[in-house]
Amino acid sequence: MALDEEKDLTEETGDEKKRFKNVDLNQPVPKKTAVIVVAAVVLTALLLTTLILWLVLGRQGETAVLEEKPGEVVLETPIADEADTQENTDETRGMTEPTSEQAPASVVVEERLLAVRIDDRWGFINTAGQLVIDNTFEEAGPFQEGLAAVRQNGKVGYINISGELVIPAGFDEGQAFYDGMAAVKLEQRWGFVNRHGQLVIEPAYDDVMYFSEGAAPAAQDGQWGYLDTSGIWLISPRYNQAWPFYEGIAQVEVVDRMGYIDRQGEWVWNPIFAQ
């Protein structure tokens, strides 16, 4: 019995050798297999190319960012040497000034017009350095919402970008327009006018700041609160100092401590921060 099994195993092994012997090693690779191989090679090449481009372009972009000089205003103006140097005021705070070699030092940038002082009088130039509004004003503020405060004969009014006096010069002081209203001062009290020059909030306040998100900080009897656009107290005066709202909260000062409130006057962060 064992011999018969050994004989059968020998015959099977011989058959296997015959089958391997009959295999043609030069036989072409099946077409389906060749397509898969080629596709894999092409995909690998594309991935490598994409990686190389990403590295090269990323480095170029990084270099460009490093070499960029944000906020620099370049003007070609013939009146650069005639302008006087003046410190930034509250009206010009936060605005970028051109270099002293290229433009007057007393410059306010807004809506493509720049207020400049020439021979003790203020006018406006465009970004090409051309004088587009004559220098006839005693003072000039930045353009905001299409209007700019100017002083003539000691009083403040507002001009448009064509230089036309659209709100007569009849105020003691005037601030820039925000939310369609500007703070003006008459007889030592502050109020607000609209774009037509109409007093929409009577001058009754010791001090004010601009409107933001429908509310303006205002001071009365040494305490600050917030007015709405109709002149009603949105938050009654209770703070030593208050600032405009931004994204629903405002910074206020209470007894030399800073905190933040919401539009209802509720504390968002209690006044624990030293000024």
C-alpha atoms as a PDB file:
ATOM      1  CA  MET A   1       0.000   0.000   0.000  1.00  0.00           C
ATOM      2  CA  ALA A   2       2.798   2.426   0.874  1.00  0.00           C
ATOM      3  CA  LEU A   3       4.555   1.582  -2.380  1.00  0.00           C
ATOM      4  CA  ASP A   4       1.446   2.427  -4.379  1.00  0.00           C
ATOM      5  CA  GLU A   5       1.193   5.819  -2.619  1.00  0.00           C
ATOM      6  CA  GLU A   6       4.890   6.509  -3.309  1.00  0.00           C
ATOM      7  CA  LYS A   7       4.386   5.611  -6.937  1.00  0.00           C
ATOM      8  CA  ASP A   8       1.412   7.950  -7.248  1.00  0.00           C
ATOM      9  CA  LEU A   9       3.441  10.773  -5.644  1.00  0.00           C
ATOM     10  CA  THR A  10       6.293  10.212  -8.068  1.00  0.00           C
ATOM     11  CA  GLU A  11       3.964  10.342 -11.030  1.00  0.00           C
ATOM     12  CA  GLU A  12       2.392  13.615  -9.772  1.00  0.00           C
ATOM     13  CA  THR A  13       5.814  15.191  -9.279  1.00  0.00           C
ATOM     14  CA  GLY A  14       6.824  14.196 -12.794  1.00  0.00           C
ATOM     15  CA  ASP A  15       3.671  15.744 -14.200  1.00  0.00           C
ATOM     16  CA  GLU A  16       4.414  19.016 -12.362  1.00  0.00           C
ATOM     17  CA  LYS A  17       7.940  19.109 -13.788  1.00  0.00           C
ATOM     18  CA  LYS A  18       6.544  18.615 -17.260  1.00  0.00           C
ATOM     19  CA  ARG A  19       4.113  21.508 -16.809  1.00  0.00           C
ATOM     20  CA  PHE A  20       6.872  23.895 -15.630  1.00  0.00           C
ATOM     21  CA  LYS A  21       9.123  22.738 -18.425  1.00  0.00           C
ATOM     22  CA  ASN A  22       6.472  23.621 -20.959  1.00  0.00           C
ATOM     23  CA  VAL A  23       6.169  27.240 -19.653  1.00  0.00           C
ATOM     24  CA  ASP A  24       7.502  29.777 -22.180  1.00  0.00           C
ATOM     25  CA  LEU A  25       9.366  32.495 -20.261  1.00  0.00           C
ATOM     26  CA  ASN A  26       9.445  34.693 -23.360  1.00  0.00           C
ATOM     27  CA  GLN A  27       5.649  34.793 -23.509  1.00  0.00           C
ATOM     28  CA  PRO A  28       4.392  38.501 -23.527  1.00  0.00           C
ATOM     29  CA  VAL A  29       2.881  40.001 -20.357  1.00  0.00           C
ATOM     30  CA  PRO A  30      -0.916  40.129 -20.553  1.00  0.00           C
ATOM     31  CA  LYS A  31      -2.270  43.460 -21.844  1.00  0.00           C
ATOM     32  CA  LYS A  32      -4.282  44.192 -18.678  1.00  0.00           C
ATOM     33  CA  THR A  33      -1.214  43.836 -16.487  1.00  0.00           C
ATOM     34  CA  ALA A  34       0.817  46.139 -18.741  1.00  0.00           C
ATOM     35  CA  VAL A  35      -1.853  48.865 -18.544  1.00  0.00           C
ATOM     36  CA  ILE A  36      -1.863  48.715 -14.746  1.00  0.00           C
ATOM     37  CA  VAL A  37       1.919  49.037 -14.592  1.00  0.00           C
ATOM     38  CA  VAL A  38       1.986  52.007 -16.984  1.00  0.00           C
ATOM     39  CA  ALA A  39      -0.798  53.761 -15.061  1.00  0.00           C
ATOM     40  CA  ALA A  40       1.078  53.307 -11.799  1.00  0.00           C
ATOM     41  CA  VAL A  41       4.249  54.804 -13.299  1.00  0.00           C
ATOM     42  CA  VAL A  42       2.365  57.810 -14.719  1.00  0.00           C
ATOM     43  CA  LEU A  43       0.543  58.464 -11.442  1.00  0.00           C
ATOM     44  CA  THR A  44       3.810  58.334  -9.508  1.00  0.00           C
ATOM     45  CA  ALA A  45       5.397  60.819 -11.924  1.00  0.00           C
ATOM     46  CA  LEU A  46       2.446  63.210 -11.560  1.00  0.00           C
ATOM     47  CA  LEU A  47       2.600  63.066  -7.775  1.00  0.00           C
ATOM     48  CA  LEU A  48       6.332  63.794  -7.780  1.00  0.00           C
ATOM     49  CA  THR A  49       5.863  66.732 -10.186  1.00  0.00           C
ATOM     50  CA  THR A  50       3.077  68.188  -8.037  1.00  0.00           C
ATOM     51  CA  LEU A  51       5.212  67.910  -4.917  1.00  0.00           C
ATOM     52  CA  ILE A  52       8.156  69.674  -6.588  1.00  0.00           C
ATOM     53  CA  LEU A  53       5.933  72.534  -7.885  1.00  0.00           C
ATOM     54  CA  TRP A  54       4.329  72.967  -4.473  1.00  0.00           C
ATOM     55  CA  LEU A  55       7.722  73.249  -2.787  1.00  0.00           C
ATOM     56  CA  VAL A  56       9.080  75.716  -5.374  1.00  0.00           C
ATOM     57  CA  LEU A  57       5.991  77.965  -5.503  1.00  0.00           C
ATOM     58  CA  GLY A  58       5.585  77.891  -1.733  1.00  0.00           C
ATOM     59  CA  ARG A  59       9.144  79.114  -1.270  1.00  0.00           C
ATOM     60  CA  GLN A  60       8.648  81.889  -3.855  1.00  0.00           C
ATOM     61  CA  GLY A  61       5.439  83.026  -2.132  1.00  0.00           C
ATOM     62  CA  GLU A  62       7.183  83.054   1.230  1.00  0.00           C
ATOM     63  CA  THR A  63       9.984  85.174  -0.204  1.00  0.00           C
ATOM     64  CA  ALA A  64       7.489  87.622  -1.699  1.00  0.00           C
ATOM     65  CA  VAL A  65       5.730  88.057   1.653  1.00  0.00           C
ATOM     66  CA  LEU A  66       9.014  88.708   3.404  1.00  0.00           C
ATOM     67  CA  GLU A  67      10.051  91.311   0.840  1.00  0.00           C
ATOM     68  CA  GLU A  68       6.688  93.101   0.812  1.00  0.00           C
ATOM     69  CA  LYS A  69       6.428  96.427   2.678  1.00  0.00           C
ATOM     70  CA  PRO A  70       2.780  96.718   3.723  1.00  0.00           C
ATOM     71  CA  GLY A  71       1.274 100.113   4.437  1.00  0.00           C
ATOM     72  CA  GLU A  72       3.873 102.128   2.512  1.00  0.00           C
ATOM     73  CA  VAL A  73       2.279 104.813   0.389  1.00  0.00           C
ATOM     74  CA  VAL A  74       4.328 106.053  -2.545  1.00  0.00           C
ATOM     75  CA  LEU A  75       3.418 109.406  -4.038  1.00  0.00           C
ATOM     76  CA  GLU A  76       5.010 111.418  -6.791  1.00  0.00           C
ATOM     77  CA  THR A  77       4.218 114.981  -5.763  1.00  0.00           C
ATOM     78  CA  PRO A  78       5.911 118.279  -6.604  1.00  0.00           C
ATOM     79  CA  ILE A  79       4.764 119.881  -3.335  1.00  0.00           C
ATOM     80  CA  ALA A  80       6.666 117.572  -1.001  1.00  0.00           C
ATOM     81  CA  ASP A  81       9.236 120.213   0.005  1.00  0.00           C
ATOM     82  CA  GLU A  82       6.583 122.841   0.727  1.00  0.00           C
ATOM     83  CA  ALA A  83       4.710 120.912   3.407  1.00  0.00           C
ATOM     84  CA  ASP A  84       5.357 121.426   7.087  1.00  0.00           C
ATOM     85  CA  THR A  85       5.998 118.662   9.551  1.00  0.00           C
ATOM     86  CA  GLN A  86       3.215 118.168  12.064  1.00  0.00           C
ATOM     87  CA  GLU A  87       2.532 115.562  14.736  1.00  0.00           C
ATOM     88  CA  ASN A  88      -0.291 113.104  14.177  1.00  0.00           C
ATOM     89  CA  THR A  89      -3.589 114.155  15.716  1.00  0.00           C
ATOM     90  CA  ASP A  90      -6.502 111.999  16.821  1.00  0.00           C
ATOM     91  CA  GLU A  91      -7.945 112.433  13.328  1.00  0.00           C
ATOM     92  CA  THR A  92      -4.870 110.932  11.690  1.00  0.00           C
ATOM     93  CA  ARG A  93      -4.235 108.181  14.243  1.00  0.00           C
ATOM     94  CA  GLY A  94      -3.963 104.704  12.728  1.00  0.00           C
ATOM     95  CA  MET A  95      -3.401 105.981   9.195  1.00  0.00           C
ATOM     96  CA  THR A  96      -0.186 105.320   7.295  1.00  0.00           C
ATOM     97  CA  GLU A  97       1.912 108.276   6.221  1.00  0.00           C
ATOM     98  CA  PRO A  98       4.061 108.393   3.061  1.00  0.00           C
ATOM     99  CA  THR A  99       7.793 108.715   3.442  1.00  0.00           C
ATOM    100  CA  SER A 100       9.068 112.250   4.005  1.00  0.00           C
ATOM    101  CA  GLU A 101      10.966 112.260   0.707  1.00  0.00           C
ATOM    102  CA  GLN A 102       7.891 111.472  -1.339  1.00  0.00           C
ATOM    103  CA  ALA A 103       5.012 113.417   0.197  1.00  0.00           C
ATOM    104  CA  PRO A 104       4.185 116.109   2.758  1.00  0.00           C
ATOM    105  CA  ALA A 105       4.611 115.042   6.352  1.00  0.00           C
ATOM    106  CA  SER A 106       1.156 116.334   7.372  1.00  0.00           C
ATOM    107  CA  VAL A 107      -0.939 113.773   5.510  1.00  0.00           C
ATOM    108  CA  VAL A 108      -4.268 112.077   6.163  1.00  0.00           C
ATOM    109  CA  VAL A 109      -5.153 109.196   3.820  1.00  0.00           C
ATOM    110  CA  GLU A 110      -8.818 108.371   3.165  1.00  0.00           C
ATOM    111  CA  GLU A 111     -10.917 107.469   0.136  1.00  0.00           C
ATOM    112  CA  ARG A 112      -8.065 108.159  -2.319  1.00  0.00           C
ATOM    113  CA  LEU A 113      -7.763 111.811  -1.232  1.00  0.00           C
ATOM    114  CA  LEU A 114      -5.093 113.066   1.135  1.00  0.00           C
ATOM    115  CA  ALA A 115      -5.326 116.188   3.285  1.00  0.00           C
ATOM    116  CA  VAL A 116      -2.091 118.183   3.075  1.00  0.00           C
ATOM    117  CA  ARG A 117      -0.906 121.473   4.537  1.00  0.00           C
ATOM    118  CA  ILE A 118       0.799 123.888   2.170  1.00  0.00           C
ATOM    119  CA  ASP A 119       1.833 127.365   3.315  1.00  0.00           C
ATOM    120  CA  ASP A 120      -0.278 127.081   6.486  1.00  0.00           C
ATOM    121  CA  ARG A 121      -3.391 126.168   4.523  1.00  0.00           C
ATOM    122  CA  TRP A 122      -4.941 122.767   3.994  1.00  0.00           C
ATOM    123  CA  GLY A 123      -6.085 121.180   0.747  1.00  0.00           C
ATOM    124  CA  PHE A 124      -6.366 117.698  -0.737  1.00  0.00           C
ATOM    125  CA  ILE A 125      -4.294 115.759  -3.245  1.00  0.00           C
ATOM    126  CA  ASN A 126      -4.990 112.460  -4.955  1.00  0.00           C
ATOM    127  CA  THR A 127      -2.662 109.482  -4.865  1.00  0.00           C
ATOM    128  CA  ALA A 128      -0.833 110.781  -7.942  1.00  0.00           C
ATOM    129  CA  GLY A 129       0.207 113.858  -5.971  1.00  0.00           C
ATOM    130  CA  GLN A 130      -2.086 116.249  -7.855  1.00  0.00           C
ATOM    131  CA  LEU A 131      -3.766 119.022  -5.896  1.00  0.00           C
ATOM    132  CA  VAL A 132      -7.462 118.381  -6.531  1.00  0.00           C
ATOM    133  CA  ILE A 133      -8.977 120.574  -3.775  1.00  0.00           C
ATOM    134  CA  ASP A 134      -7.224 123.905  -3.293  1.00  0.00           C
ATOM    135  CA  ASN A 135      -5.393 124.602  -0.057  1.00  0.00           C
ATOM    136  CA  THR A 136      -7.793 127.212   1.298  1.00  0.00           C
ATOM    137  CA  PHE A 137      -8.725 125.701   4.663  1.00  0.00           C
ATOM    138  CA  GLU A 138      -7.372 126.520   8.104  1.00  0.00           C
ATOM    139  CA  GLU A 139      -7.719 122.862   9.101  1.00  0.00           C
ATOM    140  CA  ALA A 140      -8.850 119.681   7.362  1.00  0.00           C
ATOM    141  CA  GLY A 141      -9.719 116.212   8.573  1.00  0.00           C
ATOM    142  CA  PRO A 142      -9.871 112.884   6.736  1.00  0.00           C
ATOM    143  CA  PHE A 143     -12.611 111.955   4.296  1.00  0.00           C
ATOM    144  CA  GLN A 144     -15.006 109.476   5.851  1.00  0.00           C
ATOM    145  CA  GLU A 145     -18.219 108.314   4.194  1.00  0.00           C
ATOM    146  CA  GLY A 146     -17.589 110.837   1.410  1.00  0.00           C
ATOM    147  CA  LEU A 147     -17.316 113.934   3.626  1.00  0.00           C
ATOM    148  CA  ALA A 148     -14.451 115.704   5.378  1.00  0.00           C
ATOM    149  CA  ALA A 149     -14.474 118.285   8.168  1.00  0.00           C
ATOM    150  CA  VAL A 150     -12.743 121.584   7.293  1.00  0.00           C
ATOM    151  CA  ARG A 151     -12.311 124.870   9.119  1.00  0.00           C
ATOM    152  CA  GLN A 152     -13.011 128.216   7.483  1.00  0.00           C
ATOM    153  CA  ASN A 153     -12.990 131.567   9.282  1.00  0.00           C
ATOM    154  CA  GLY A 154     -12.658 129.737  12.574  1.00  0.00           C
ATOM    155  CA  LYS A 155     -15.721 127.534  12.097  1.00  0.00           C
ATOM    156  CA  VAL A 156     -16.062 123.903  11.018  1.00  0.00           C
ATOM    157  CA  GLY A 157     -18.159 122.603   8.116  1.00  0.00           C
ATOM    158  CA  TYR A 158     -18.003 119.624   5.751  1.00  0.00           C
ATOM    159  CA  ILE A 159     -16.989 119.278   2.105  1.00  0.00           C
ATOM    160  CA  ASN A 160     -17.560 116.477  -0.402  1.00  0.00           C
ATOM    161  CA  ILE A 161     -14.856 114.932  -2.579  1.00  0.00           C
ATOM    162  CA  SER A 162     -15.428 117.664  -5.179  1.00  0.00           C
ATOM    163  CA  GLY A 163     -14.461 120.309  -2.631  1.00  0.00           C
ATOM    164  CA  GLU A 164     -18.004 121.682  -2.312  1.00  0.00           C
ATOM    165  CA  LEU A 165     -19.046 122.904   1.138  1.00  0.00           C
ATOM    166  CA  VAL A 166     -22.180 120.798   1.622  1.00  0.00           C
ATOM    167  CA  ILE A 167     -22.570 121.486   5.356  1.00  0.00           C
ATOM    168  CA  PRO A 168     -21.941 125.167   6.164  1.00  0.00           C
ATOM    169  CA  ALA A 169     -19.065 126.051   8.471  1.00  0.00           C
ATOM    170  CA  GLY A 170     -20.941 126.924  11.650  1.00  0.00           C
ATOM    171  CA  PHE A 171     -19.577 124.597  14.315  1.00  0.00           C
ATOM    172  CA  ASP A 172     -16.818 125.142  16.857  1.00  0.00           C
ATOM    173  CA  GLU A 173     -15.447 121.619  16.358  1.00  0.00           C
ATOM    174  CA  GLY A 174     -16.304 118.632  14.196  1.00  0.00           C
ATOM    175  CA  GLN A 175     -15.375 114.969  13.951  1.00  0.00           C
ATOM    176  CA  ALA A 176     -15.511 112.501  11.052  1.00  0.00           C
ATOM    177  CA  PHE A 177     -18.699 110.775   9.921  1.00  0.00           C
ATOM    178  CA  TYR A 178     -19.497 107.277  11.151  1.00  0.00           C
ATOM    179  CA  ASP A 179     -22.775 105.449  10.669  1.00  0.00           C
ATOM    180  CA  GLY A 180     -24.134 108.507   8.845  1.00  0.00           C
ATOM    181  CA  MET A 181     -23.549 110.952  11.718  1.00  0.00           C
ATOM    182  CA  ALA A 182     -20.751 113.226  12.862  1.00  0.00           C
ATOM    183  CA  ALA A 183     -20.100 114.721  16.298  1.00  0.00           C
ATOM    184  CA  VAL A 184     -20.063 118.536  16.349  1.00  0.00           C
ATOM    185  CA  LYS A 185     -19.448 121.048  19.115  1.00  0.00           C
ATOM    186  CA  LEU A 186     -21.449 124.220  19.764  1.00  0.00           C
ATOM    187  CA  GLU A 187     -21.007 126.488  22.778  1.00  0.00           C
ATOM    188  CA  GLN A 188     -18.907 123.956  24.683  1.00  0.00           C
ATOM    189  CA  ARG A 189     -21.404 121.113  24.181  1.00  0.00           C
ATOM    190  CA  TRP A 190     -21.332 118.182  21.794  1.00  0.00           C
ATOM    191  CA  GLY A 191     -24.127 116.807  19.635  1.00  0.00           C
ATOM    192  CA  PHE A 192     -24.509 115.043  16.271  1.00  0.00           C
ATOM    193  CA  VAL A 193     -25.459 116.064  12.739  1.00  0.00           C
ATOM    194  CA  ASN A 194     -26.537 113.885   9.821  1.00  0.00           C
ATOM    195  CA  ARG A 195     -25.172 114.088   6.276  1.00  0.00           C
ATOM    196  CA  HIS A 196     -27.555 116.964   5.497  1.00  0.00           C
ATOM    197  CA  GLY A 197     -26.155 119.071   8.322  1.00  0.00           C
ATOM    198  CA  GLN A 198     -29.264 118.696  10.477  1.00  0.00           C
ATOM    199  CA  LEU A 199     -28.780 118.444  14.235  1.00  0.00           C
ATOM    200  CA  VAL A 200     -30.268 115.037  15.031  1.00  0.00           C
ATOM    201  CA  ILE A 201     -28.909 114.988  18.586  1.00  0.00           C
ATOM    202  CA  GLU A 202     -28.821 118.386  20.277  1.00  0.00           C
ATOM    203  CA  PRO A 203     -25.509 119.592  21.759  1.00  0.00           C
ATOM    204  CA  ALA A 204     -25.935 118.668  25.420  1.00  0.00           C
ATOM    205  CA  TYR A 205     -22.881 116.555  26.272  1.00  0.00           C
ATOM    206  CA  ASP A 206     -19.482 117.274  27.780  1.00  0.00           C
ATOM    207  CA  ASP A 207     -17.735 114.924  25.375  1.00  0.00           C
ATOM    208  CA  VAL A 208     -18.622 112.248  22.822  1.00  0.00           C
ATOM    209  CA  MET A 209     -17.053 109.692  20.543  1.00  0.00           C
ATOM    210  CA  TYR A 210     -18.233 108.358  17.191  1.00  0.00           C
ATOM    211  CA  PHE A 211     -21.181 106.052  16.510  1.00  0.00           C
ATOM    212  CA  SER A 212     -20.502 102.353  16.058  1.00  0.00           C
ATOM    213  CA  GLU A 213     -23.113  99.597  15.854  1.00  0.00           C
ATOM    214  CA  GLY A 214     -25.853 102.116  16.611  1.00  0.00           C
ATOM    215  CA  ALA A 215     -24.351 103.500  19.817  1.00  0.00           C
ATOM    216  CA  ALA A 216     -22.003 106.354  20.695  1.00  0.00           C
ATOM    217  CA  PRO A 217     -20.127 106.942  23.968  1.00  0.00           C
ATOM    218  CA  ALA A 218     -21.142 110.257  25.553  1.00  0.00           C
ATOM    219  CA  ALA A 219     -20.184 112.010  28.769  1.00  0.00           C
ATOM    220  CA  GLN A 220     -22.457 114.054  31.005  1.00  0.00           C
ATOM    221  CA  ASP A 221     -21.565 115.440  34.439  1.00  0.00           C
ATOM    222  CA  GLY A 222     -18.254 113.573  34.368  1.00  0.00           C
ATOM    223  CA  GLN A 223     -19.728 110.119  33.713  1.00  0.00           C
ATOM    224  CA  TRP A 224     -19.842 108.184  30.447  1.00  0.00           C
ATOM    225  CA  GLY A 225     -22.701 106.190  28.982  1.00  0.00           C
ATOM    226  CA  TYR A 226     -24.013 105.299  25.509  1.00  0.00           C
ATOM    227  CA  LEU A 227     -26.525 107.117  23.288  1.00  0.00           C
ATOM    228  CA  ASP A 228     -28.608 105.527  20.562  1.00  0.00           C
ATOM    229  CA  THR A 229     -29.091 107.260  17.184  1.00  0.00           C
ATOM    230  CA  SER A 230     -32.127 109.208  18.466  1.00  0.00           C
ATOM    231  CA  GLY A 231     -30.221 110.668  21.415  1.00  0.00           C
ATOM    232  CA  ILE A 232     -31.786 108.450  24.080  1.00  0.00           C
ATOM    233  CA  TRP A 233     -29.540 106.861  26.676  1.00  0.00           C
ATOM    234  CA  LEU A 234     -29.014 103.268  25.634  1.00  0.00           C
ATOM    235  CA  ILE A 235     -26.813 102.767  28.727  1.00  0.00           C
ATOM    236  CA  SER A 236     -27.035 105.496  31.334  1.00  0.00           C
ATOM    237  CA  PRO A 237     -23.838 107.331  32.401  1.00  0.00           C
ATOM    238  CA  ARG A 238     -21.979 105.296  34.999  1.00  0.00           C
ATOM    239  CA  TYR A 239     -18.390 104.854  33.769  1.00  0.00           C
ATOM    240  CA  ASN A 240     -15.237 106.913  34.164  1.00  0.00           C
ATOM    241  CA  GLN A 241     -14.510 106.375  30.460  1.00  0.00           C
ATOM    242  CA  ALA A 242     -16.140 104.471  27.607  1.00  0.00           C
ATOM    243  CA  TRP A 243     -15.147 103.476  24.081  1.00  0.00           C
ATOM    244  CA  PRO A 244     -17.174 102.543  20.950  1.00  0.00           C
ATOM    245  CA  PHE A 245     -18.717  99.120  20.508  1.00  0.00           C
ATOM    246  CA  TYR A 246     -16.992  96.528  18.373  1.00  0.00           C
ATOM    247  CA  GLU A 247     -18.670  93.218  17.525  1.00  0.00           C
ATOM    248  CA  GLY A 248     -21.204  93.636  20.308  1.00  0.00           C
ATOM    249  CA  ILE A 249     -18.920  94.556  23.208  1.00  0.00           C
ATOM    250  CA  ALA A 250     -17.304  97.770  24.419  1.00  0.00           C
ATOM    251  CA  GLN A 251     -14.417  98.609  26.705  1.00  0.00           C
ATOM    252  CA  VAL A 252     -15.169 100.776  29.751  1.00  0.00           C
ATOM    253  CA  GLU A 253     -13.243 102.073  32.741  1.00  0.00           C
ATOM    254  CA  VAL A 254     -14.471 101.977  36.329  1.00  0.00           C
ATOM    255  CA  VAL A 255     -12.233 103.203  39.161  1.00  0.00           C
ATOM    256  CA  ASP A 256      -9.003 102.701  37.226  1.00  0.00           C
ATOM    257  CA  ARG A 257     -10.037  99.214  36.146  1.00  0.00           C
ATOM    258  CA  MET A 258     -10.883  98.127  32.622  1.00  0.00           C
ATOM    259  CA  GLY A 259     -13.685  95.740  31.693  1.00  0.00           C
ATOM    260  CA  TYR A 260     -16.056  94.918  28.819  1.00  0.00           C
ATOM    261  CA  ILE A 261     -19.837  95.244  28.594  1.00  0.00           C
ATOM    262  CA  ASP A 262     -22.522  94.171  26.121  1.00  0.00           C
ATOM    263  CA  ARG A 263     -25.203  96.419  24.603  1.00  0.00           C
ATOM    264  CA  GLN A 264     -27.422  95.962  27.654  1.00  0.00           C
ATOM    265  CA  GLY A 265     -24.679  97.249  29.935  1.00  0.00           C
ATOM    266  CA  GLU A 266     -24.101  93.804  31.438  1.00  0.00           C
ATOM    267  CA  TRP A 267     -20.559  92.794  32.232  1.00  0.00           C
ATOM    268  CA  VAL A 268     -18.938  90.436  29.782  1.00  0.00           C
ATOM    269  CA  TRP A 269     -15.619  90.704  31.638  1.00  0.00           C
ATOM    270  CA  ASN A 270     -15.641  92.351  35.050  1.00  0.00           C
ATOM    271  CA  PRO A 271     -13.407  95.395  35.524  1.00  0.00           C
ATOM    272  CA  ILE A 272     -10.336  93.637  36.860  1.00  0.00           C
ATOM    273  CA  PHE A 273      -7.725  94.854  34.373  1.00  0.00           C
ATOM    274  CA  ALA A 274      -5.558  97.763  35.518  1.00  0.00           C
ATOM    275  CA  GLN A 275      -5.397 100.655  33.086  1.00  0.00           C
END
